[in-house]
């Protein structure tokens, strides 16, 4: 009995400590979201009206449908929930758009986007570069190898061609894609880089990705 009691005490203490850590983490997340909201609100004057409009529209639409079936009060909570989700979604989209606008044209902007890729991507930053902060980043994923260049077009053109040649000697028959980030013709805008990568076809397996890396 004494052994069981002594074992239960550490378990109870561990659970209490884990619960305390979750509370601290949750509080920090709420604080970060509030800080991000306040920062976005100051530079985006349309944020609150748009969020409120989206919330109100969802509530009105859901309650309107409820009126048809005479269940408006039953569906009101659903309308409020959908309105909150719509407002939060718009906040996230506008914050992301603002972040891309600030990052565009800055050295390392493409590297920042690549570091925030979702899914099974393996990113190696600046596998080639110049003293002018032009860079080529290597991304390994299901499409194969993707070389992403950022910088002055006339400088990165040769840079990415050299890196593609070096990579081809190691990758064999694995497809190699090249992307130059920018706003000119043939380039991929920074805000569309993640979407562009996601649309590339899947050509290799996870095991082949490990071998490539």
C-alpha atoms as a PDB file:
ATOM      1  CA  UNK A   1       0.000   0.000   0.000  1.00  0.00           C
ATOM      2  CA  UNK A   2       2.822   2.363   0.906  1.00  0.00           C
ATOM      3  CA  UNK A   3       4.501   1.697  -2.431  1.00  0.00           C
ATOM      4  CA  UNK A   4       1.295   2.443  -4.314  1.00  0.00           C
ATOM      5  CA  UNK A   5       0.800   5.638  -2.320  1.00  0.00           C
ATOM      6  CA  UNK A   6       4.345   6.852  -3.009  1.00  0.00           C
ATOM      7  CA  UNK A   7       3.915   6.101  -6.726  1.00  0.00           C
ATOM      8  CA  UNK A   8       0.586   7.931  -6.886  1.00  0.00           C
ATOM      9  CA  UNK A   9       2.073  11.107  -5.464  1.00  0.00           C
ATOM     10  CA  UNK A  10       4.610  11.667  -8.300  1.00  0.00           C
ATOM     11  CA  UNK A  11       1.914  10.847 -10.870  1.00  0.00           C
ATOM     12  CA  UNK A  12      -0.432  13.368  -9.333  1.00  0.00           C
ATOM     13  CA  UNK A  13       2.336  15.956  -9.150  1.00  0.00           C
ATOM     14  CA  UNK A  14       3.262  15.313 -12.796  1.00  0.00           C
ATOM     15  CA  UNK A  15      -0.357  15.749 -13.909  1.00  0.00           C
ATOM     16  CA  UNK A  16      -0.632  18.981 -11.922  1.00  0.00           C
ATOM     17  CA  UNK A  17       2.600  20.267 -13.466  1.00  0.00           C
ATOM     18  CA  UNK A  18       1.438  19.350 -16.984  1.00  0.00           C
ATOM     19  CA  UNK A  19      -1.883  21.105 -16.362  1.00  0.00           C
ATOM     20  CA  UNK A  20      -0.049  24.202 -15.130  1.00  0.00           C
ATOM     21  CA  UNK A  21       2.202  24.223 -18.215  1.00  0.00           C
ATOM     22  CA  UNK A  22      -0.839  23.912 -20.518  1.00  0.00           C
ATOM     23  CA  UNK A  23      -2.463  26.871 -18.793  1.00  0.00           C
ATOM     24  CA  UNK A  24       0.710  28.953 -19.199  1.00  0.00           C
ATOM     25  CA  UNK A  25       1.013  27.978 -22.889  1.00  0.00           C
ATOM     26  CA  UNK A  26      -2.658  28.797 -23.484  1.00  0.00           C
ATOM     27  CA  UNK A  27      -2.248  32.177 -21.805  1.00  0.00           C
ATOM     28  CA  UNK A  28       0.816  32.941 -23.931  1.00  0.00           C
ATOM     29  CA  UNK A  29      -1.049  32.016 -27.133  1.00  0.00           C
ATOM     30  CA  UNK A  30      -3.943  34.310 -26.220  1.00  0.00           C
ATOM     31  CA  UNK A  31      -1.482  37.091 -25.460  1.00  0.00           C
ATOM     32  CA  UNK A  32       0.287  36.604 -28.810  1.00  0.00           C
ATOM     33  CA  UNK A  33      -3.019  36.611 -30.713  1.00  0.00           C
ATOM     34  CA  UNK A  34      -4.105  39.797 -28.942  1.00  0.00           C
ATOM     35  CA  UNK A  35      -0.777  41.475 -29.726  1.00  0.00           C
ATOM     36  CA  UNK A  36      -1.035  40.421 -33.378  1.00  0.00           C
ATOM     37  CA  UNK A  37      -4.620  41.712 -33.547  1.00  0.00           C
ATOM     38  CA  UNK A  38      -3.667  45.104 -32.044  1.00  0.00           C
ATOM     39  CA  UNK A  39      -0.717  45.469 -34.431  1.00  0.00           C
ATOM     40  CA  UNK A  40      -2.846  44.570 -37.436  1.00  0.00           C
ATOM     41  CA  UNK A  41      -5.684  46.841 -36.304  1.00  0.00           C
ATOM     42  CA  UNK A  42      -3.348  49.849 -36.121  1.00  0.00           C
ATOM     43  CA  UNK A  43      -2.083  49.442 -39.690  1.00  0.00           C
ATOM     44  CA  UNK A  44      -5.282  48.028 -41.215  1.00  0.00           C
ATOM     45  CA  UNK A  45      -8.134  50.459 -40.514  1.00  0.00           C
ATOM     46  CA  UNK A  46     -10.627  48.306 -42.422  1.00  0.00           C
ATOM     47  CA  UNK A  47      -9.948  45.207 -40.305  1.00  0.00           C
ATOM     48  CA  UNK A  48     -12.614  45.700 -37.616  1.00  0.00           C
ATOM     49  CA  UNK A  49     -15.402  46.801 -40.018  1.00  0.00           C
ATOM     50  CA  UNK A  50     -14.694  43.811 -42.274  1.00  0.00           C
ATOM     51  CA  UNK A  51     -14.603  41.352 -39.365  1.00  0.00           C
ATOM     52  CA  UNK A  52     -17.816  42.785 -37.906  1.00  0.00           C
ATOM     53  CA  UNK A  53     -19.483  42.735 -41.327  1.00  0.00           C
ATOM     54  CA  UNK A  54     -18.559  39.073 -41.848  1.00  0.00           C
ATOM     55  CA  UNK A  55     -19.855  38.190 -38.385  1.00  0.00           C
ATOM     56  CA  UNK A  56     -23.125  40.054 -38.909  1.00  0.00           C
ATOM     57  CA  UNK A  57     -23.646  38.587 -42.378  1.00  0.00           C
ATOM     58  CA  UNK A  58     -23.296  35.008 -41.101  1.00  0.00           C
ATOM     59  CA  UNK A  59     -25.713  35.638 -38.231  1.00  0.00           C
ATOM     60  CA  UNK A  60     -28.280  37.274 -40.524  1.00  0.00           C
ATOM     61  CA  UNK A  61     -28.066  34.508 -43.140  1.00  0.00           C
ATOM     62  CA  UNK A  62     -28.396  31.681 -40.604  1.00  0.00           C
ATOM     63  CA  UNK A  63     -31.235  33.385 -38.706  1.00  0.00           C
ATOM     64  CA  UNK A  64     -32.937  34.175 -42.017  1.00  0.00           C
ATOM     65  CA  UNK A  65     -32.861  30.500 -42.961  1.00  0.00           C
ATOM     66  CA  UNK A  66     -34.137  29.696 -39.489  1.00  0.00           C
ATOM     67  CA  UNK A  67     -37.087  32.041 -39.967  1.00  0.00           C
ATOM     68  CA  UNK A  68     -38.198  30.038 -42.974  1.00  0.00           C
ATOM     69  CA  UNK A  69     -38.569  26.946 -40.794  1.00  0.00           C
ATOM     70  CA  UNK A  70     -39.555  28.909 -37.665  1.00  0.00           C
ATOM     71  CA  UNK A  71     -36.440  27.765 -35.768  1.00  0.00           C
ATOM     72  CA  UNK A  72     -34.564  31.080 -35.745  1.00  0.00           C
ATOM     73  CA  UNK A  73     -33.802  30.961 -32.035  1.00  0.00           C
ATOM     74  CA  UNK A  74     -32.502  27.414 -32.256  1.00  0.00           C
ATOM     75  CA  UNK A  75     -30.042  28.255 -35.042  1.00  0.00           C
ATOM     76  CA  UNK A  76     -28.940  31.602 -33.558  1.00  0.00           C
ATOM     77  CA  UNK A  77     -25.981  30.021 -31.655  1.00  0.00           C
ATOM     78  CA  UNK A  78     -24.882  28.371 -34.906  1.00  0.00           C
ATOM     79  CA  UNK A  79     -25.009  31.734 -36.681  1.00  0.00           C
ATOM     80  CA  UNK A  80     -22.901  33.333 -33.934  1.00  0.00           C
ATOM     81  CA  UNK A  81     -20.355  30.505 -34.111  1.00  0.00           C
ATOM     82  CA  UNK A  82     -20.091  30.723 -37.904  1.00  0.00           C
ATOM     83  CA  UNK A  83     -19.801  34.502 -37.652  1.00  0.00           C
ATOM     84  CA  UNK A  84     -16.902  34.231 -35.203  1.00  0.00           C
ATOM     85  CA  UNK A  85     -15.147  31.686 -37.420  1.00  0.00           C
ATOM     86  CA  UNK A  86     -15.589  33.930 -40.473  1.00  0.00           C
ATOM     87  CA  UNK A  87     -14.213  36.945 -38.582  1.00  0.00           C
ATOM     88  CA  UNK A  88     -11.198  34.968 -37.344  1.00  0.00           C
ATOM     89  CA  UNK A  89     -10.552  33.594 -40.841  1.00  0.00           C
ATOM     90  CA  UNK A  90     -10.582  37.092 -42.358  1.00  0.00           C
ATOM     91  CA  UNK A  91      -8.279  38.365 -39.617  1.00  0.00           C
ATOM     92  CA  UNK A  92      -5.781  35.606 -40.411  1.00  0.00           C
ATOM     93  CA  UNK A  93      -5.953  36.241 -44.159  1.00  0.00           C
ATOM     94  CA  UNK A  94      -5.471  39.993 -43.826  1.00  0.00           C
ATOM     95  CA  UNK A  95      -2.616  39.534 -41.364  1.00  0.00           C
ATOM     96  CA  UNK A  96      -0.932  37.097 -43.762  1.00  0.00           C
ATOM     97  CA  UNK A  97      -1.433  39.492 -46.681  1.00  0.00           C
ATOM     98  CA  UNK A  98       0.063  42.337 -44.634  1.00  0.00           C
ATOM     99  CA  UNK A  99       3.073  40.197 -43.699  1.00  0.00           C
ATOM    100  CA  UNK A 100       3.697  39.321 -47.366  1.00  0.00           C
ATOM    101  CA  UNK A 101       3.393  42.986 -48.387  1.00  0.00           C
ATOM    102  CA  UNK A 102       6.016  43.984 -45.836  1.00  0.00           C
ATOM    103  CA  UNK A 103       8.333  41.112 -46.772  1.00  0.00           C
ATOM    104  CA  UNK A 104       8.190  41.550 -50.558  1.00  0.00           C
ATOM    105  CA  UNK A 105      11.447  42.820 -51.977  1.00  0.00           C
ATOM    106  CA  UNK A 106      13.343  42.204 -48.738  1.00  0.00           C
ATOM    107  CA  UNK A 107      16.402  39.891 -48.764  1.00  0.00           C
ATOM    108  CA  UNK A 108      15.494  36.518 -47.287  1.00  0.00           C
ATOM    109  CA  UNK A 109      11.747  36.904 -47.878  1.00  0.00           C
ATOM    110  CA  UNK A 110      11.534  33.679 -49.890  1.00  0.00           C
ATOM    111  CA  UNK A 111      13.496  31.825 -47.218  1.00  0.00           C
ATOM    112  CA  UNK A 112      10.962  33.014 -44.627  1.00  0.00           C
ATOM    113  CA  UNK A 113       8.067  31.711 -46.726  1.00  0.00           C
ATOM    114  CA  UNK A 114       9.786  28.371 -47.315  1.00  0.00           C
ATOM    115  CA  UNK A 115      10.449  27.931 -43.602  1.00  0.00           C
ATOM    116  CA  UNK A 116       6.696  28.211 -43.015  1.00  0.00           C
ATOM    117  CA  UNK A 117       5.694  25.569 -45.568  1.00  0.00           C
ATOM    118  CA  UNK A 118       3.131  23.044 -44.372  1.00  0.00           C
ATOM    119  CA  UNK A 119       3.608  19.404 -45.136  1.00  0.00           C
ATOM    120  CA  UNK A 120       6.569  17.174 -45.849  1.00  0.00           C
ATOM    121  CA  UNK A 121       9.038  19.662 -47.266  1.00  0.00           C
ATOM    122  CA  UNK A 122      12.749  19.676 -46.448  1.00  0.00           C
ATOM    123  CA  UNK A 123      14.202  23.145 -46.884  1.00  0.00           C
ATOM    124  CA  UNK A 124      17.893  24.043 -47.068  1.00  0.00           C
ATOM    125  CA  UNK A 125      18.437  27.777 -47.217  1.00  0.00           C
ATOM    126  CA  UNK A 126      21.040  29.535 -49.330  1.00  0.00           C
ATOM    127  CA  UNK A 127      22.717  26.556 -51.006  1.00  0.00           C
ATOM    128  CA  UNK A 128      24.126  29.190 -53.370  1.00  0.00           C
ATOM    129  CA  UNK A 129      24.347  32.943 -53.112  1.00  0.00           C
ATOM    130  CA  UNK A 130      26.114  36.192 -53.928  1.00  0.00           C
ATOM    131  CA  UNK A 131      27.505  39.078 -51.914  1.00  0.00           C
ATOM    132  CA  UNK A 132      24.442  41.095 -53.010  1.00  0.00           C
ATOM    133  CA  UNK A 133      22.254  38.753 -50.897  1.00  0.00           C
ATOM    134  CA  UNK A 134      20.850  36.924 -53.922  1.00  0.00           C
ATOM    135  CA  UNK A 135      20.224  33.313 -52.940  1.00  0.00           C
ATOM    136  CA  UNK A 136      19.064  29.925 -54.149  1.00  0.00           C
ATOM    137  CA  UNK A 137      17.237  27.722 -51.659  1.00  0.00           C
ATOM    138  CA  UNK A 138      16.802  23.976 -52.118  1.00  0.00           C
ATOM    139  CA  UNK A 139      13.462  22.358 -51.299  1.00  0.00           C
ATOM    140  CA  UNK A 140      12.954  18.590 -51.321  1.00  0.00           C
ATOM    141  CA  UNK A 141       9.376  17.357 -51.452  1.00  0.00           C
ATOM    142  CA  UNK A 142       7.018  14.989 -53.215  1.00  0.00           C
ATOM    143  CA  UNK A 143       7.505  16.830 -56.542  1.00  0.00           C
ATOM    144  CA  UNK A 144      11.259  16.159 -56.355  1.00  0.00           C
ATOM    145  CA  UNK A 145      13.836  18.927 -55.990  1.00  0.00           C
ATOM    146  CA  UNK A 146      12.740  22.551 -56.212  1.00  0.00           C
ATOM    147  CA  UNK A 147      15.320  25.318 -56.484  1.00  0.00           C
ATOM    148  CA  UNK A 148      13.896  28.658 -55.389  1.00  0.00           C
ATOM    149  CA  UNK A 149      15.850  31.786 -56.275  1.00  0.00           C
ATOM    150  CA  UNK A 150      15.416  35.313 -54.939  1.00  0.00           C
ATOM    151  CA  UNK A 151      17.286  38.439 -55.935  1.00  0.00           C
ATOM    152  CA  UNK A 152      18.109  40.396 -59.063  1.00  0.00           C
ATOM    153  CA  UNK A 153      16.982  38.373 -62.126  1.00  0.00           C
ATOM    154  CA  UNK A 154      20.178  38.963 -64.104  1.00  0.00           C
ATOM    155  CA  UNK A 155      22.273  37.599 -61.230  1.00  0.00           C
ATOM    156  CA  UNK A 156      20.131  34.667 -60.060  1.00  0.00           C
ATOM    157  CA  UNK A 157      19.688  33.366 -63.616  1.00  0.00           C
ATOM    158  CA  UNK A 158      23.241  32.011 -63.729  1.00  0.00           C
ATOM    159  CA  UNK A 159      23.176  31.134 -60.037  1.00  0.00           C
ATOM    160  CA  UNK A 160      20.167  28.855 -60.341  1.00  0.00           C
ATOM    161  CA  UNK A 161      21.461  27.301 -63.593  1.00  0.00           C
ATOM    162  CA  UNK A 162      24.732  26.340 -61.871  1.00  0.00           C
ATOM    163  CA  UNK A 163      22.909  24.899 -58.862  1.00  0.00           C
ATOM    164  CA  UNK A 164      20.556  22.919 -61.094  1.00  0.00           C
ATOM    165  CA  UNK A 165      23.550  21.415 -62.901  1.00  0.00           C
ATOM    166  CA  UNK A 166      25.183  20.431 -59.602  1.00  0.00           C
ATOM    167  CA  UNK A 167      21.940  18.983 -58.234  1.00  0.00           C
ATOM    168  CA  UNK A 168      21.277  16.958 -61.413  1.00  0.00           C
ATOM    169  CA  UNK A 169      24.553  15.078 -60.934  1.00  0.00           C
ATOM    170  CA  UNK A 170      23.241  13.744 -57.605  1.00  0.00           C
ATOM    171  CA  UNK A 171      19.492  13.447 -58.156  1.00  0.00           C
ATOM    172  CA  UNK A 172      19.558  11.167 -61.192  1.00  0.00           C
ATOM    173  CA  UNK A 173      16.125  10.967 -62.812  1.00  0.00           C
ATOM    174  CA  UNK A 174      14.375  12.889 -60.032  1.00  0.00           C
ATOM    175  CA  UNK A 175      12.623  15.978 -61.485  1.00  0.00           C
ATOM    176  CA  UNK A 176      14.190  19.351 -60.711  1.00  0.00           C
ATOM    177  CA  UNK A 177      12.000  22.457 -60.761  1.00  0.00           C
ATOM    178  CA  UNK A 178      13.298  26.019 -60.740  1.00  0.00           C
ATOM    179  CA  UNK A 179      11.389  29.015 -59.408  1.00  0.00           C
ATOM    180  CA  UNK A 180      12.420  32.651 -59.321  1.00  0.00           C
ATOM    181  CA  UNK A 181      10.502  34.799 -56.857  1.00  0.00           C
ATOM    182  CA  UNK A 182       9.412  38.201 -58.111  1.00  0.00           C
ATOM    183  CA  UNK A 183       6.758  40.216 -59.903  1.00  0.00           C
ATOM    184  CA  UNK A 184       8.177  40.064 -63.420  1.00  0.00           C
ATOM    185  CA  UNK A 185       6.935  37.822 -66.217  1.00  0.00           C
ATOM    186  CA  UNK A 186       7.832  34.184 -65.624  1.00  0.00           C
ATOM    187  CA  UNK A 187       8.420  34.750 -61.921  1.00  0.00           C
ATOM    188  CA  UNK A 188       6.294  33.637 -58.967  1.00  0.00           C
ATOM    189  CA  UNK A 189       5.062  36.382 -56.600  1.00  0.00           C
ATOM    190  CA  UNK A 190       6.096  35.871 -52.975  1.00  0.00           C
ATOM    191  CA  UNK A 191       2.489  35.613 -51.760  1.00  0.00           C
ATOM    192  CA  UNK A 192       1.821  32.810 -54.263  1.00  0.00           C
ATOM    193  CA  UNK A 193       4.981  30.793 -53.608  1.00  0.00           C
ATOM    194  CA  UNK A 194       3.403  28.325 -51.161  1.00  0.00           C
ATOM    195  CA  UNK A 195       0.412  27.748 -53.455  1.00  0.00           C
ATOM    196  CA  UNK A 196       2.699  27.278 -56.463  1.00  0.00           C
ATOM    197  CA  UNK A 197       4.727  24.620 -54.656  1.00  0.00           C
ATOM    198  CA  UNK A 198       1.588  22.841 -53.463  1.00  0.00           C
ATOM    199  CA  UNK A 199       0.322  22.562 -57.064  1.00  0.00           C
ATOM    200  CA  UNK A 200       3.444  20.802 -58.348  1.00  0.00           C
ATOM    201  CA  UNK A 201       2.827  17.129 -59.241  1.00  0.00           C
ATOM    202  CA  UNK A 202       3.917  14.342 -56.893  1.00  0.00           C
ATOM    203  CA  UNK A 203       6.758  12.440 -58.523  1.00  0.00           C
ATOM    204  CA  UNK A 204       8.636  10.790 -55.650  1.00  0.00           C
ATOM    205  CA  UNK A 205       7.829   8.760 -52.549  1.00  0.00           C
ATOM    206  CA  UNK A 206       8.706   9.648 -48.961  1.00  0.00           C
ATOM    207  CA  UNK A 207      11.482   7.048 -49.064  1.00  0.00           C
ATOM    208  CA  UNK A 208      12.984   8.675 -52.156  1.00  0.00           C
ATOM    209  CA  UNK A 209      12.787  12.027 -50.385  1.00  0.00           C
ATOM    210  CA  UNK A 210      14.898  10.601 -47.536  1.00  0.00           C
ATOM    211  CA  UNK A 211      17.492   9.335 -50.009  1.00  0.00           C
ATOM    212  CA  UNK A 212      17.570  12.689 -51.790  1.00  0.00           C
ATOM    213  CA  UNK A 213      18.053  14.566 -48.541  1.00  0.00           C
END
